[in-house]
PDB file of N, CA and C in Angstrom:
ATOM      1  N   MET A   1     -27.823  21.046 -27.316  1.00  0.00           N
ATOM      2  CA  MET A   1     -26.597  20.634 -27.941  1.00  0.00           C
ATOM      3  C   MET A   1     -25.420  21.509 -27.566  1.00  0.00           C
ATOM      4  N   TYR A   2     -25.671  22.823 -27.573  1.00  0.00           N
ATOM      5  CA  TYR A   2     -24.618  23.770 -27.226  1.00  0.00           C
ATOM      6  C   TYR A   2     -24.064  23.586 -25.905  1.00  0.00           C
ATOM      7  N   ILE A   3     -24.916  23.289 -24.896  1.00  0.00           N
ATOM      8  CA  ILE A   3     -24.521  23.111 -23.481  1.00  0.00           C
ATOM      9  C   ILE A   3     -23.592  21.876 -23.377  1.00  0.00           C
ATOM     10  N   ASN A   4     -23.906  20.775 -24.044  1.00  0.00           N
ATOM     11  CA  ASN A   4     -23.050  19.670 -24.030  1.00  0.00           C
ATOM     12  C   ASN A   4     -21.675  19.930 -24.624  1.00  0.00           C
ATOM     13  N   LEU A   5     -21.586  20.657 -25.682  1.00  0.00           N
ATOM     14  CA  LEU A   5     -20.287  20.990 -26.269  1.00  0.00           C
ATOM     15  C   LEU A   5     -19.520  21.836 -25.328  1.00  0.00           C
ATOM     16  N   MET A   6     -20.151  22.771 -24.666  1.00  0.00           N
ATOM     17  CA  MET A   6     -19.373  23.590 -23.659  1.00  0.00           C
ATOM     18  C   MET A   6     -18.836  22.714 -22.549  1.00  0.00           C
ATOM     19  N   PHE A   7     -19.637  21.815 -22.052  1.00  0.00           N
ATOM     20  CA  PHE A   7     -19.197  20.967 -20.993  1.00  0.00           C
ATOM     21  C   PHE A   7     -17.957  20.147 -21.323  1.00  0.00           C
ATOM     22  N   PHE A   8     -17.959  19.602 -22.561  1.00  0.00           N
ATOM     23  CA  PHE A   8     -16.790  18.904 -23.016  1.00  0.00           C
ATOM     24  C   PHE A   8     -15.535  19.724 -23.244  1.00  0.00           C
ATOM     25  N   ALA A   9     -15.799  20.985 -23.598  1.00  0.00           N
ATOM     26  CA  ALA A   9     -14.736  21.950 -23.756  1.00  0.00           C
ATOM     27  C   ALA A   9     -14.000  22.293 -22.398  1.00  0.00           C
ATOM     28  N   LEU A  10     -14.855  22.346 -21.325  1.00  0.00           N
ATOM     29  CA  LEU A  10     -14.390  22.661 -19.984  1.00  0.00           C
ATOM     30  C   LEU A  10     -13.834  21.438 -19.256  1.00  0.00           C
ATOM     31  N   LEU A  11     -14.173  20.279 -19.707  1.00  0.00           N
ATOM     32  CA  LEU A  11     -13.831  18.994 -18.954  1.00  0.00           C
ATOM     33  C   LEU A  11     -12.319  18.937 -18.645  1.00  0.00           C
ATOM     34  N   PRO A  12     -11.422  19.093 -19.644  1.00  0.00           N
ATOM     35  CA  PRO A  12      -9.987  18.957 -19.314  1.00  0.00           C
ATOM     36  C   PRO A  12      -9.507  19.860 -18.230  1.00  0.00           C
ATOM     37  N   LYS A  13      -9.953  21.087 -18.285  1.00  0.00           N
ATOM     38  CA  LYS A  13      -9.549  22.144 -17.233  1.00  0.00           C
ATOM     39  C   LYS A  13     -10.092  21.725 -15.893  1.00  0.00           C
ATOM     40  N   VAL A  14     -11.158  21.270 -15.807  1.00  0.00           N
ATOM     41  CA  VAL A  14     -11.825  20.912 -14.465  1.00  0.00           C
ATOM     42  C   VAL A  14     -11.072  19.619 -13.995  1.00  0.00           C
ATOM     43  N   SER A  15     -10.771  18.617 -14.810  1.00  0.00           N
ATOM     44  CA  SER A  15     -10.133  17.358 -14.391  1.00  0.00           C
ATOM     45  C   SER A  15      -8.703  17.729 -13.873  1.00  0.00           C
ATOM     46  N   GLU A  16      -8.069  18.752 -14.422  1.00  0.00           N
ATOM     47  CA  GLU A  16      -6.680  19.100 -14.043  1.00  0.00           C
ATOM     48  C   GLU A  16      -6.666  19.679 -12.562  1.00  0.00           C
ATOM     49  N   GLN A  17      -7.806  20.251 -12.235  1.00  0.00           N
ATOM     50  CA  GLN A  17      -7.918  20.901 -10.875  1.00  0.00           C
ATOM     51  C   GLN A  17      -8.318  19.849  -9.779  1.00  0.00           C
ATOM     52  N   LEU A  18      -8.843  18.713 -10.180  1.00  0.00           N
ATOM     53  CA  LEU A  18      -9.253  17.697  -9.205  1.00  0.00           C
ATOM     54  C   LEU A  18      -8.012  17.264  -8.404  1.00  0.00           C
ATOM     55  N   ASN A  19      -8.221  17.118  -7.045  1.00  0.00           N
ATOM     56  CA  ASN A  19      -7.070  16.683  -6.352  1.00  0.00           C
ATOM     57  C   ASN A  19      -7.024  15.212  -6.263  1.00  0.00           C
ATOM     58  N   THR A  20      -5.867  14.629  -6.434  1.00  0.00           N
ATOM     59  CA  THR A  20      -5.744  13.157  -6.305  1.00  0.00           C
ATOM     60  C   THR A  20      -5.230  12.690  -4.989  1.00  0.00           C
ATOM     61  N   PHE A  21      -4.974  13.613  -4.056  1.00  0.00           N
ATOM     62  CA  PHE A  21      -4.460  13.189  -2.732  1.00  0.00           C
ATOM     63  C   PHE A  21      -5.618  13.297  -1.701  1.00  0.00           C
ATOM     64  N   VAL A  22      -5.324  12.581  -0.632  1.00  0.00           N
ATOM     65  CA  VAL A  22      -6.399  12.626   0.536  1.00  0.00           C
ATOM     66  C   VAL A  22      -5.547  12.912   1.767  1.00  0.00           C
ATOM     67  N   VAL A  23      -6.258  13.533   2.773  1.00  0.00           N
ATOM     68  CA  VAL A  23      -5.647  13.844   4.049  1.00  0.00           C
ATOM     69  C   VAL A  23      -5.246  12.596   4.721  1.00  0.00           C
ATOM     70  N   GLY A  24      -3.975  12.639   5.263  1.00  0.00           N
ATOM     71  CA  GLY A  24      -3.410  11.439   6.003  1.00  0.00           C
ATOM     72  C   GLY A  24      -2.576  10.533   4.997  1.00  0.00           C
ATOM     73  N   GLN A  25      -2.626  10.823   3.852  1.00  0.00           N
ATOM     74  CA  GLN A  25      -1.864   9.991   2.773  1.00  0.00           C
ATOM     75  C   GLN A  25      -0.351  10.249   2.853  1.00  0.00           C
ATOM     76  N   GLN A  26       0.450   9.199   2.836  1.00  0.00           N
ATOM     77  CA  GLN A  26       1.824   9.396   2.804  1.00  0.00           C
ATOM     78  C   GLN A  26       2.335   9.596   1.352  1.00  0.00           C
ATOM     79  N   VAL A  27       3.220  10.597   1.208  1.00  0.00           N
ATOM     80  CA  VAL A  27       3.654  11.008  -0.085  1.00  0.00           C
ATOM     81  C   VAL A  27       5.171  11.263  -0.046  1.00  0.00           C
ATOM     82  N   VAL A  28       5.741  11.494  -1.196  1.00  0.00           N
ATOM     83  CA  VAL A  28       7.199  11.897  -1.278  1.00  0.00           C
ATOM     84  C   VAL A  28       7.178  13.259  -1.990  1.00  0.00           C
ATOM     85  N   TRP A  29       7.848  14.161  -1.335  1.00  0.00           N
ATOM     86  CA  TRP A  29       7.988  15.552  -1.862  1.00  0.00           C
ATOM     87  C   TRP A  29       9.241  15.713  -2.564  1.00  0.00           C
ATOM     88  N   SER A  30       9.269  16.169  -3.768  1.00  0.00           N
ATOM     89  CA  SER A  30      10.454  16.452  -4.556  1.00  0.00           C
ATOM     90  C   SER A  30      10.826  17.899  -4.237  1.00  0.00           C
ATOM     91  N   TYR A  31      11.820  18.009  -3.333  1.00  0.00           N
ATOM     92  CA  TYR A  31      12.303  19.362  -2.773  1.00  0.00           C
ATOM     93  C   TYR A  31      13.573  19.788  -3.334  1.00  0.00           C
ATOM     94  N   LYS A  32      13.536  21.057  -3.809  1.00  0.00           N
ATOM     95  CA  LYS A  32      14.750  21.698  -4.389  1.00  0.00           C
ATOM     96  C   LYS A  32      15.063  22.911  -3.507  1.00  0.00           C
ATOM     97  N   ALA A  33      16.195  22.829  -2.841  1.00  0.00           N
ATOM     98  CA  ALA A  33      16.517  23.854  -1.869  1.00  0.00           C
ATOM     99  C   ALA A  33      16.510  25.323  -2.441  1.00  0.00           C
ATOM    100  N   HIS A  34      16.960  25.444  -3.719  1.00  0.00           N
ATOM    101  CA  HIS A  34      16.938  26.770  -4.269  1.00  0.00           C
ATOM    102  C   HIS A  34      16.755  26.592  -5.761  1.00  0.00           C
ATOM    103  N   HIS A  35      16.267  27.538  -6.426  1.00  0.00           N
ATOM    104  CA  HIS A  35      16.052  27.376  -7.876  1.00  0.00           C
ATOM    105  C   HIS A  35      17.335  27.208  -8.692  1.00  0.00           C
ATOM    106  N   SER A  36      18.423  27.686  -8.148  1.00  0.00           N
ATOM    107  CA  SER A  36      19.746  27.592  -8.830  1.00  0.00           C
ATOM    108  C   SER A  36      20.428  26.216  -8.593  1.00  0.00           C
ATOM    109  N   HIS A  37      19.926  25.485  -7.547  1.00  0.00           N
ATOM    110  CA  HIS A  37      20.499  24.206  -7.268  1.00  0.00           C
ATOM    111  C   HIS A  37      19.951  23.147  -8.247  1.00  0.00           C
ATOM    112  N   GLU A  38      20.722  22.199  -8.563  1.00  0.00           N
ATOM    113  CA  GLU A  38      20.283  21.152  -9.477  1.00  0.00           C
ATOM    114  C   GLU A  38      19.788  19.935  -8.692  1.00  0.00           C
ATOM    115  N   ALA A  39      20.289  19.695  -7.514  1.00  0.00           N
ATOM    116  CA  ALA A  39      19.888  18.510  -6.679  1.00  0.00           C
ATOM    117  C   ALA A  39      18.496  18.743  -6.216  1.00  0.00           C
ATOM    118  N   ILE A  40      17.752  17.524  -6.381  1.00  0.00           N
ATOM    119  CA  ILE A  40      16.432  17.519  -5.831  1.00  0.00           C
ATOM    120  C   ILE A  40      16.403  16.337  -4.797  1.00  0.00           C
ATOM    121  N   GLN A  41      15.882  16.719  -3.613  1.00  0.00           N
ATOM    122  CA  GLN A  41      15.737  15.764  -2.521  1.00  0.00           C
ATOM    123  C   GLN A  41      14.382  15.182  -2.522  1.00  0.00           C
ATOM    124  N   LYS A  42      14.268  13.881  -2.264  1.00  0.00           N
ATOM    125  CA  LYS A  42      13.065  13.179  -2.042  1.00  0.00           C
ATOM    126  C   LYS A  42      12.761  13.034  -0.547  1.00  0.00           C
ATOM    127  N   VAL A  43      11.778  13.855  -0.171  1.00  0.00           N
ATOM    128  CA  VAL A  43      11.427  13.927   1.308  1.00  0.00           C
ATOM    129  C   VAL A  43      10.088  13.260   1.690  1.00  0.00           C
ATOM    130  N   PRO A  44      10.047  12.339   2.520  1.00  0.00           N
ATOM    131  CA  PRO A  44       8.758  11.723   2.907  1.00  0.00           C
ATOM    132  C   PRO A  44       8.009  12.752   3.712  1.00  0.00           C
ATOM    133  N   ALA A  45       6.684  12.746   3.431  1.00  0.00           N
ATOM    134  CA  ALA A  45       5.700  13.702   4.042  1.00  0.00           C
ATOM    135  C   ALA A  45       4.386  13.062   4.166  1.00  0.00           C
ATOM    136  N   GLU A  46       3.516  13.826   4.788  1.00  0.00           N
ATOM    137  CA  GLU A  46       2.128  13.362   5.007  1.00  0.00           C
ATOM    138  C   GLU A  46       1.154  14.547   4.576  1.00  0.00           C
ATOM    139  N   VAL A  47       0.153  14.253   3.902  1.00  0.00           N
ATOM    140  CA  VAL A  47      -0.874  15.305   3.569  1.00  0.00           C
ATOM    141  C   VAL A  47      -1.676  15.770   4.618  1.00  0.00           C
ATOM    142  N   VAL A  48      -1.771  17.018   4.922  1.00  0.00           N
ATOM    143  CA  VAL A  48      -2.518  17.586   6.033  1.00  0.00           C
ATOM    144  C   VAL A  48      -3.807  18.287   5.588  1.00  0.00           C
ATOM    145  N   LYS A  49      -3.717  19.036   4.564  1.00  0.00           N
ATOM    146  CA  LYS A  49      -4.840  19.810   4.015  1.00  0.00           C
ATOM    147  C   LYS A  49      -4.740  19.860   2.492  1.00  0.00           C
ATOM    148  N   LEU A  50      -5.986  20.003   1.939  1.00  0.00           N
ATOM    149  CA  LEU A  50      -6.023  20.083   0.437  1.00  0.00           C
ATOM    150  C   LEU A  50      -6.581  21.498   0.109  1.00  0.00           C
ATOM    151  N   GLY A  51      -5.919  22.193  -0.736  1.00  0.00           N
ATOM    152  CA  GLY A  51      -6.269  23.466  -1.181  1.00  0.00           C
ATOM    153  C   GLY A  51      -6.698  23.438  -2.625  1.00  0.00           C
ATOM    154  N   ALA A  52      -7.168  24.460  -3.154  1.00  0.00           N
ATOM    155  CA  ALA A  52      -7.604  24.500  -4.575  1.00  0.00           C
ATOM    156  C   ALA A  52      -6.483  24.348  -5.523  1.00  0.00           C
ATOM    157  N   LYS A  53      -5.329  24.997  -5.162  1.00  0.00           N
ATOM    158  CA  LYS A  53      -4.182  24.922  -6.021  1.00  0.00           C
ATOM    159  C   LYS A  53      -2.938  24.129  -5.449  1.00  0.00           C
ATOM    160  N   ARG A  54      -2.933  24.098  -4.131  1.00  0.00           N
ATOM    161  CA  ARG A  54      -1.683  23.404  -3.471  1.00  0.00           C
ATOM    162  C   ARG A  54      -2.233  22.433  -2.415  1.00  0.00           C
ATOM    163  N   VAL A  55      -1.282  21.768  -1.901  1.00  0.00           N
ATOM    164  CA  VAL A  55      -1.479  20.708  -0.862  1.00  0.00           C
ATOM    165  C   VAL A  55      -0.574  21.115   0.382  1.00  0.00           C
ATOM    166  N   GLN A  56      -1.161  21.050   1.543  1.00  0.00           N
ATOM    167  CA  GLN A  56      -0.355  21.224   2.779  1.00  0.00           C
ATOM    168  C   GLN A  56       0.183  19.888   3.269  1.00  0.00           C
ATOM    169  N   ILE A  57       1.565  19.837   3.410  1.00  0.00           N
ATOM    170  CA  ILE A  57       2.147  18.572   3.816  1.00  0.00           C
ATOM    171  C   ILE A  57       2.759  18.844   5.203  1.00  0.00           C
ATOM    172  N   ARG A  58       3.024  17.757   5.918  1.00  0.00           N
ATOM    173  CA  ARG A  58       3.834  17.835   7.216  1.00  0.00           C
ATOM    174  C   ARG A  58       5.025  16.891   7.021  1.00  0.00           C
ATOM    175  N   VAL A  59       6.187  17.538   7.396  1.00  0.00           N
ATOM    176  CA  VAL A  59       7.517  16.947   7.209  1.00  0.00           C
ATOM    177  C   VAL A  59       8.229  16.795   8.557  1.00  0.00           C
ATOM    178  N   ARG A  60       8.761  15.655   8.849  1.00  0.00           N
ATOM    179  CA  ARG A  60       9.538  15.589  10.113  1.00  0.00           C
ATOM    180  C   ARG A  60      11.017  15.984   9.905  1.00  0.00           C
ATOM    181  N   GLN A  61      11.393  16.947  10.714  1.00  0.00           N
ATOM    182  CA  GLN A  61      12.811  17.393  10.654  1.00  0.00           C
ATOM    183  C   GLN A  61      13.750  16.545  11.437  1.00  0.00           C
ATOM    184  N   GLU A  62      15.036  16.766  11.160  1.00  0.00           N
ATOM    185  CA  GLU A  62      16.047  15.830  11.928  1.00  0.00           C
ATOM    186  C   GLU A  62      15.915  15.889  13.399  1.00  0.00           C
ATOM    187  N   ASN A  63      15.502  16.895  13.997  1.00  0.00           N
ATOM    188  CA  ASN A  63      15.326  17.003  15.473  1.00  0.00           C
ATOM    189  C   ASN A  63      13.962  16.477  15.985  1.00  0.00           C
ATOM    190  N   GLY A  64      13.286  15.803  15.095  1.00  0.00           N
ATOM    191  CA  GLY A  64      12.027  15.190  15.518  1.00  0.00           C
ATOM    192  C   GLY A  64      10.764  16.029  15.462  1.00  0.00           C
ATOM    193  N   GLU A  65      10.970  17.388  15.272  1.00  0.00           N
ATOM    194  CA  GLU A  65       9.777  18.249  15.111  1.00  0.00           C
ATOM    195  C   GLU A  65       9.213  18.214  13.693  1.00  0.00           C
ATOM    196  N   PHE A  66       7.909  18.577  13.651  1.00  0.00           N
ATOM    197  CA  PHE A  66       7.273  18.635  12.375  1.00  0.00           C
ATOM    198  C   PHE A  66       7.207  20.059  11.812  1.00  0.00           C
ATOM    199  N   VAL A  67       7.200  20.252  10.507  1.00  0.00           N
ATOM    200  CA  VAL A  67       7.036  21.512   9.910  1.00  0.00           C
ATOM    201  C   VAL A  67       6.044  21.276   8.780  1.00  0.00           C
ATOM    202  N   LYS A  68       5.160  22.272   8.611  1.00  0.00           N
ATOM    203  CA  LYS A  68       4.065  22.264   7.578  1.00  0.00           C
ATOM    204  C   LYS A  68       4.515  23.211   6.420  1.00  0.00           C
ATOM    205  N   ARG A  69       4.263  22.701   5.197  1.00  0.00           N
ATOM    206  CA  ARG A  69       4.532  23.514   4.015  1.00  0.00           C
ATOM    207  C   ARG A  69       3.425  23.307   3.023  1.00  0.00           C
ATOM    208  N   TRP A  70       3.067  24.397   2.368  1.00  0.00           N
ATOM    209  CA  TRP A  70       2.166  24.309   1.227  1.00  0.00           C
ATOM    210  C   TRP A  70       2.975  24.070  -0.060  1.00  0.00           C
ATOM    211  N   VAL A  71       2.682  23.084  -0.797  1.00  0.00           N
ATOM    212  CA  VAL A  71       3.411  22.779  -2.023  1.00  0.00           C
ATOM    213  C   VAL A  71       2.502  22.462  -3.233  1.00  0.00           C
ATOM    214  N   ASN A  72       3.097  22.667  -4.399  1.00  0.00           N
ATOM    215  CA  ASN A  72       2.407  22.397  -5.579  1.00  0.00           C
ATOM    216  C   ASN A  72       2.163  20.885  -5.757  1.00  0.00           C
ATOM    217  N   GLN A  73       1.019  20.468  -6.218  1.00  0.00           N
ATOM    218  CA  GLN A  73       0.682  18.981  -6.315  1.00  0.00           C
ATOM    219  C   GLN A  73       1.678  18.321  -7.283  1.00  0.00           C
ATOM    220  N   SER A  74       2.260  19.011  -8.283  1.00  0.00           N
ATOM    221  CA  SER A  74       3.200  18.413  -9.150  1.00  0.00           C
ATOM    222  C   SER A  74       4.520  18.055  -8.562  1.00  0.00           C
ATOM    223  N   LYS A  75       4.750  18.525  -7.321  1.00  0.00           N
ATOM    224  CA  LYS A  75       5.977  18.232  -6.601  1.00  0.00           C
ATOM    225  C   LYS A  75       5.748  16.976  -5.639  1.00  0.00           C
ATOM    226  N   LEU A  76       4.595  16.351  -5.648  1.00  0.00           N
ATOM    227  CA  LEU A  76       4.309  15.198  -4.746  1.00  0.00           C
ATOM    228  C   LEU A  76       4.111  13.966  -5.649  1.00  0.00           C
ATOM    229  N   GLU A  77       4.637  12.878  -5.016  1.00  0.00           N
ATOM    230  CA  GLU A  77       4.367  11.561  -5.607  1.00  0.00           C
ATOM    231  C   GLU A  77       3.745  10.765  -4.637  1.00  0.00           C
ATOM    232  N   GLN A  78       2.693   9.930  -5.056  1.00  0.00           N
ATOM    233  CA  GLN A  78       2.038   9.048  -4.212  1.00  0.00           C
ATOM    234  C   GLN A  78       2.766   7.833  -3.917  1.00  0.00           C
ATOM    235  N   LEU A  79       2.676   7.234  -2.756  1.00  0.00           N
ATOM    236  CA  LEU A  79       3.346   5.995  -2.407  1.00  0.00           C
ATOM    237  C   LEU A  79       2.542   4.823  -2.753  1.00  0.00           C
TER     238      LEU A  79
END
């Protein structure tokens, strides 16, 4: 019985760490240029890698080149 109670106590923390994104998925990154800026830009991106705490995304720049960034999952929206 004790083991079952411990499992349920840990369940919310484990579920928060589960990644809801998949490699290749198209997402929208909520980008803020600087913490003092109020404007948030919505940037289209693609998921490249999944980490324990962050997600690596690939973003196309205006010149057509791609740049990769590690971002917090809370800054991404699924399409």
